Amino acid sequence: MKVIEVEDLHFSYDGITEVLKGINLVIEEGEIVAIMGENGAG
């Protein structure tokens, strides 16, 4: 069963520079997911 589904996600902190572009993600029940960036990215 899908718990979270994201399609074509775009995100920007400043409204100009996109830090996420076209993200598609499906998380099924019971899955463990970690989203990681570059070292020092926050």
PDB file of N, CA and C in Angstrom:
ATOM      1  N   MET A   1       0.839  -1.181   0.000  1.00  0.00           N
ATOM      2  CA  MET A   1       0.000   0.000   0.000  1.00  0.00           C
ATOM      3  C   MET A   1       0.887   1.248   0.000  1.00  0.00           C
ATOM      4  N   LYS A   2       0.578   2.219  -0.872  1.00  0.00           N
ATOM      5  CA  LYS A   2       1.305   3.485  -0.909  1.00  0.00           C
ATOM      6  C   LYS A   2       0.935   4.314   0.316  1.00  0.00           C
ATOM      7  N   VAL A   3       1.951   4.837   0.992  1.00  0.00           N
ATOM      8  CA  VAL A   3       1.726   5.724   2.125  1.00  0.00           C
ATOM      9  C   VAL A   3       1.965   7.168   1.698  1.00  0.00           C
ATOM     10  N   ILE A   4       3.006   7.370   0.889  1.00  0.00           N
ATOM     11  CA  ILE A   4       3.332   8.698   0.363  1.00  0.00           C
ATOM     12  C   ILE A   4       3.677   8.551  -1.114  1.00  0.00           C
ATOM     13  N   GLU A   5       3.110   9.430  -1.940  1.00  0.00           N
ATOM     14  CA  GLU A   5       3.463   9.469  -3.357  1.00  0.00           C
ATOM     15  C   GLU A   5       3.665  10.926  -3.754  1.00  0.00           C
ATOM     16  N   VAL A   6       4.806  11.213  -4.360  1.00  0.00           N
ATOM     17  CA  VAL A   6       5.147  12.562  -4.805  1.00  0.00           C
ATOM     18  C   VAL A   6       5.437  12.484  -6.297  1.00  0.00           C
ATOM     19  N   GLU A   7       4.871  13.408  -7.067  1.00  0.00           N
ATOM     20  CA  GLU A   7       5.115  13.451  -8.506  1.00  0.00           C
ATOM     21  C   GLU A   7       5.565  14.848  -8.920  1.00  0.00           C
ATOM     22  N   ASP A   8       6.685  14.919  -9.619  1.00  0.00           N
ATOM     23  CA  ASP A   8       7.213  16.152 -10.209  1.00  0.00           C
ATOM     24  C   ASP A   8       7.365  17.278  -9.185  1.00  0.00           C
ATOM     25  N   LEU A   9       7.970  16.969  -8.038  1.00  0.00           N
ATOM     26  CA  LEU A   9       8.185  17.947  -6.969  1.00  0.00           C
ATOM     27  C   LEU A   9       9.336  18.880  -7.323  1.00  0.00           C
ATOM     28  N   HIS A  10       9.108  20.161  -7.159  1.00  0.00           N
ATOM     29  CA  HIS A  10      10.141  21.190  -7.305  1.00  0.00           C
ATOM     30  C   HIS A  10      10.125  22.020  -6.032  1.00  0.00           C
ATOM     31  N   PHE A  11      11.322  22.405  -5.537  1.00  0.00           N
ATOM     32  CA  PHE A  11      11.392  23.201  -4.311  1.00  0.00           C
ATOM     33  C   PHE A  11      12.526  24.197  -4.402  1.00  0.00           C
ATOM     34  N   SER A  12      12.284  25.391  -3.853  1.00  0.00           N
ATOM     35  CA  SER A  12      13.284  26.452  -3.804  1.00  0.00           C
ATOM     36  C   SER A  12      13.149  27.178  -2.476  1.00  0.00           C
ATOM     37  N   TYR A  13      14.279  27.467  -1.818  1.00  0.00           N
ATOM     38  CA  TYR A  13      14.244  28.243  -0.577  1.00  0.00           C
ATOM     39  C   TYR A  13      13.999  29.717  -0.852  1.00  0.00           C
ATOM     40  N   ASP A  14      14.571  30.225  -1.954  1.00  0.00           N
ATOM     41  CA  ASP A  14      14.498  31.658  -2.236  1.00  0.00           C
ATOM     42  C   ASP A  14      13.506  32.022  -3.340  1.00  0.00           C
ATOM     43  N   GLY A  15      12.810  31.035  -3.893  1.00  0.00           N
ATOM     44  CA  GLY A  15      11.858  31.296  -4.964  1.00  0.00           C
ATOM     45  C   GLY A  15      12.501  31.448  -6.333  1.00  0.00           C
ATOM     46  N   ILE A  16      13.824  31.296  -6.398  1.00  0.00           N
ATOM     47  CA  ILE A  16      14.549  31.463  -7.659  1.00  0.00           C
ATOM     48  C   ILE A  16      15.336  30.197  -8.017  1.00  0.00           C
ATOM     49  N   THR A  17      16.223  29.790  -7.129  1.00  0.00           N
ATOM     50  CA  THR A  17      17.106  28.658  -7.375  1.00  0.00           C
ATOM     51  C   THR A  17      16.462  27.367  -6.870  1.00  0.00           C
ATOM     52  N   GLU A  18      16.157  26.445  -7.785  1.00  0.00           N
ATOM     53  CA  GLU A  18      15.557  25.176  -7.380  1.00  0.00           C
ATOM     54  C   GLU A  18      16.610  24.257  -6.778  1.00  0.00           C
ATOM     55  N   VAL A  19      16.311  23.726  -5.598  1.00  0.00           N
ATOM     56  CA  VAL A  19      17.209  22.754  -4.977  1.00  0.00           C
ATOM     57  C   VAL A  19      16.699  21.332  -5.189  1.00  0.00           C
ATOM     58  N   LEU A  20      15.417  21.184  -5.469  1.00  0.00           N
ATOM     59  CA  LEU A  20      14.830  19.912  -5.886  1.00  0.00           C
ATOM     60  C   LEU A  20      14.145  20.145  -7.214  1.00  0.00           C
ATOM     61  N   LYS A  21      14.371  19.246  -8.177  1.00  0.00           N
ATOM     62  CA  LYS A  21      13.818  19.424  -9.520  1.00  0.00           C
ATOM     63  C   LYS A  21      13.227  18.114 -10.023  1.00  0.00           C
ATOM     64  N   GLY A  22      11.927  18.076 -10.205  1.00  0.00           N
ATOM     65  CA  GLY A  22      11.275  16.925 -10.818  1.00  0.00           C
ATOM     66  C   GLY A  22      11.381  15.632 -10.027  1.00  0.00           C
ATOM     67  N   ILE A  23      11.262  15.713  -8.711  1.00  0.00           N
ATOM     68  CA  ILE A  23      11.386  14.530  -7.858  1.00  0.00           C
ATOM     69  C   ILE A  23      10.107  13.690  -7.922  1.00  0.00           C
ATOM     70  N   ASN A  24      10.270  12.394  -8.163  1.00  0.00           N
ATOM     71  CA  ASN A  24       9.171  11.425  -8.122  1.00  0.00           C
ATOM     72  C   ASN A  24       9.535  10.376  -7.083  1.00  0.00           C
ATOM     73  N   LEU A  25       8.591  10.066  -6.188  1.00  0.00           N
ATOM     74  CA  LEU A  25       8.890   9.170  -5.079  1.00  0.00           C
ATOM     75  C   LEU A  25       7.628   8.457  -4.629  1.00  0.00           C
ATOM     76  N   VAL A  26       7.729   7.156  -4.409  1.00  0.00           N
ATOM     77  CA  VAL A  26       6.641   6.380  -3.810  1.00  0.00           C
ATOM     78  C   VAL A  26       7.225   5.653  -2.609  1.00  0.00           C
ATOM     79  N   ILE A  27       6.612   5.845  -1.457  1.00  0.00           N
ATOM     80  CA  ILE A  27       7.009   5.141  -0.240  1.00  0.00           C
ATOM     81  C   ILE A  27       5.877   4.205   0.141  1.00  0.00           C
ATOM     82  N   GLU A  28       6.210   2.934   0.210  1.00  0.00           N
ATOM     83  CA  GLU A  28       5.226   1.906   0.543  1.00  0.00           C
ATOM     84  C   GLU A  28       5.194   1.701   2.063  1.00  0.00           C
ATOM     85  N   GLU A  29       4.090   1.176   2.559  1.00  0.00           N
ATOM     86  CA  GLU A  29       3.948   0.885   3.980  1.00  0.00           C
ATOM     87  C   GLU A  29       5.085  -0.023   4.445  1.00  0.00           C
ATOM     88  N   GLY A  30       5.721   0.344   5.552  1.00  0.00           N
ATOM     89  CA  GLY A  30       6.798  -0.458   6.126  1.00  0.00           C
ATOM     90  C   GLY A  30       8.184  -0.129   5.611  1.00  0.00           C
ATOM     91  N   GLU A  31       8.298   0.678   4.555  1.00  0.00           N
ATOM     92  CA  GLU A  31       9.612   1.051   4.023  1.00  0.00           C
ATOM     93  C   GLU A  31      10.257   2.108   4.911  1.00  0.00           C
ATOM     94  N   ILE A  32      11.570   2.073   4.965  1.00  0.00           N
ATOM     95  CA  ILE A  32      12.349   3.096   5.653  1.00  0.00           C
ATOM     96  C   ILE A  32      13.115   3.855   4.581  1.00  0.00           C
ATOM     97  N   VAL A  33      12.978   5.180   4.578  1.00  0.00           N
ATOM     98  CA  VAL A  33      13.577   6.012   3.535  1.00  0.00           C
ATOM     99  C   VAL A  33      14.419   7.108   4.178  1.00  0.00           C
ATOM    100  N   ALA A  34      15.612   7.331   3.651  1.00  0.00           N
ATOM    101  CA  ALA A  34      16.467   8.433   4.078  1.00  0.00           C
ATOM    102  C   ALA A  34      16.789   9.276   2.853  1.00  0.00           C
ATOM    103  N   ILE A  35      16.647  10.576   2.981  1.00  0.00           N
ATOM    104  CA  ILE A  35      16.993  11.497   1.897  1.00  0.00           C
ATOM    105  C   ILE A  35      18.213  12.276   2.362  1.00  0.00           C
ATOM    106  N   MET A  36      19.302  12.141   1.616  1.00  0.00           N
ATOM    107  CA  MET A  36      20.567  12.726   2.032  1.00  0.00           C
ATOM    108  C   MET A  36      21.101  13.658   0.957  1.00  0.00           C
ATOM    109  N   GLY A  37      21.758  14.703   1.395  1.00  0.00           N
ATOM    110  CA  GLY A  37      22.402  15.625   0.475  1.00  0.00           C
ATOM    111  C   GLY A  37      23.913  15.519   0.608  1.00  0.00           C
ATOM    112  N   GLU A  38      24.590  16.442  -0.025  1.00  0.00           N
ATOM    113  CA  GLU A  38      26.045  16.476   0.052  1.00  0.00           C
ATOM    114  C   GLU A  38      26.475  16.790   1.476  1.00  0.00           C
ATOM    115  N   ASN A  39      27.667  16.356   1.834  1.00  0.00           N
ATOM    116  CA  ASN A  39      28.219  16.646   3.147  1.00  0.00           C
ATOM    117  C   ASN A  39      28.257  18.156   3.367  1.00  0.00           C
ATOM    118  N   GLY A  40      27.715  18.607   4.484  1.00  0.00           N
ATOM    119  CA  GLY A  40      27.693  20.031   4.790  1.00  0.00           C
ATOM    120  C   GLY A  40      26.528  20.778   4.189  1.00  0.00           C
ATOM    121  N   ALA A  41      25.637  20.072   3.487  1.00  0.00           N
ATOM    122  CA  ALA A  41      24.509  20.734   2.840  1.00  0.00           C
ATOM    123  C   ALA A  41      23.419  21.136   3.828  1.00  0.00           C
ATOM    124  N   GLY A  42      23.513  20.655   5.057  1.00  0.00           N
ATOM    125  CA  GLY A  42      22.529  21.040   6.068  1.00  0.00           C
ATOM    126  C   GLY A  42      21.620  19.926   6.373  1.00  0.00           C
TER     127      GLY A  42
END
